[in-house]
Amino acid sequence: MTVLLFGVTKDIIGSSSLSIPSKSVTGKNAPSTVKELRDFLSNLYPDLGNLSSLAIAVNNAYAEDEQPLNTYDEIALIPPVSGG
């Protein structure tokens, strides 16, 4: 599973994308819902939890926490945006 990163999420993780294997070395499966992905990433990168908001898009559409994830979905983390 590949997650595309933008803005401050890119700075926190240190890359423009993140690859999550379908199974970890401990035998745990990859996140299967948006909520599981959010929790997984917050555990790995606690600074993501400090963001005022963090949207997740799946296949170019904003996703709710209950949405299932598939290995070949295009996933993007969309951090808060400010402008002026």
Protein backbone atom coordinates (compact mmCIF):
# COMPACT_ATOMS: atom_id res chain seq x y z
CA MET A 1 0.00 0.00 0.00
CA THR A 2 1.43 3.38 -0.99
CA VAL A 3 0.43 6.58 0.78
CA LEU A 4 1.13 9.93 -0.90
CA LEU A 5 2.15 12.76 1.43
CA PHE A 6 1.74 16.50 1.06
CA GLY A 7 2.65 19.63 3.01
CA VAL A 8 3.49 19.12 6.66
CA THR A 9 2.81 15.36 6.47
CA LYS A 10 5.66 15.13 3.99
CA ASP A 11 7.88 17.07 6.43
CA ILE A 12 6.91 14.87 9.41
CA ILE A 13 7.54 11.59 7.59
CA GLY A 14 10.50 12.87 5.56
CA SER A 15 9.35 11.61 2.19
CA SER A 16 6.72 12.30 -0.47
CA SER A 17 5.35 8.77 -0.18
CA LEU A 18 5.26 5.92 2.28
CA SER A 19 5.00 2.23 1.46
CA ILE A 20 3.13 -0.01 3.89
CA PRO A 21 3.70 -3.73 3.32
CA SER A 22 0.68 -6.04 3.20
CA LYS A 23 2.15 -7.89 6.19
CA SER A 24 4.70 -6.63 8.67
CA VAL A 25 7.62 -8.67 9.96
CA THR A 26 5.51 -9.41 13.05
CA GLY A 27 2.85 -11.00 10.85
CA LYS A 28 0.28 -8.22 11.34
CA ASN A 29 -1.81 -7.34 8.31
CA ALA A 30 -1.73 -3.87 6.77
CA PRO A 31 -4.50 -1.47 7.82
CA SER A 32 -7.80 -2.49 6.22
CA THR A 33 -9.82 0.70 6.89
CA VAL A 34 -9.08 4.42 6.87
CA LYS A 35 -9.38 4.44 10.69
CA GLU A 36 -6.85 1.62 11.03
CA LEU A 37 -4.50 3.49 8.68
CA ARG A 38 -4.90 6.70 10.71
CA ASP A 39 -4.11 4.80 13.95
CA PHE A 40 -1.20 2.93 12.34
CA LEU A 41 0.41 6.14 11.08
CA SER A 42 -0.17 7.98 14.38
CA ASN A 43 1.64 5.19 16.23
CA LEU A 44 4.60 5.34 13.84
CA TYR A 45 4.66 9.14 13.55
CA PRO A 46 3.20 10.71 16.74
CA ASP A 47 3.58 14.24 15.31
CA LEU A 48 0.77 13.44 12.87
CA GLY A 49 -1.54 13.37 15.88
CA ASN A 50 -0.64 16.98 16.68
CA LEU A 51 -2.17 18.28 13.44
CA SER A 52 -5.41 20.23 13.83
CA SER A 53 -6.95 18.08 11.11
CA LEU A 54 -5.83 15.40 8.72
CA ALA A 55 -7.97 14.30 5.81
CA ILE A 56 -7.39 11.04 4.00
CA ALA A 57 -8.34 10.61 0.36
CA VAL A 58 -8.79 7.22 -1.29
CA ASN A 59 -8.87 7.12 -5.07
CA ASN A 60 -9.18 10.91 -5.32
CA ALA A 61 -12.14 11.22 -2.94
CA TYR A 62 -12.22 12.18 0.72
CA ALA A 63 -12.75 9.05 2.81
CA GLU A 64 -14.55 8.41 6.08
CA ASP A 65 -12.91 6.31 8.80
CA GLU A 66 -15.09 3.26 8.01
CA GLN A 67 -14.06 3.07 4.34
CA PRO A 68 -12.25 -0.18 3.51
CA LEU A 69 -8.80 -0.04 1.95
CA ASN A 70 -7.40 -2.26 -0.79
CA THR A 71 -3.77 -2.88 -1.65
CA TYR A 72 -3.95 -0.95 -4.92
CA ASP A 73 -5.95 2.07 -3.76
CA GLU A 74 -4.38 5.49 -4.25
CA ILE A 75 -4.21 6.96 -0.75
CA ALA A 76 -3.22 10.52 0.12
CA LEU A 77 -2.79 12.33 3.44
CA ILE A 78 -4.11 15.86 3.17
CA PRO A 79 -2.94 18.13 6.00
CA PRO A 80 -4.67 21.32 7.12
CA VAL A 81 -4.28 24.11 4.60
CA SER A 82 -4.19 27.81 5.32
CA GLY A 83 -4.05 30.65 2.90
CA GLY A 84 -4.29 34.31 2.65
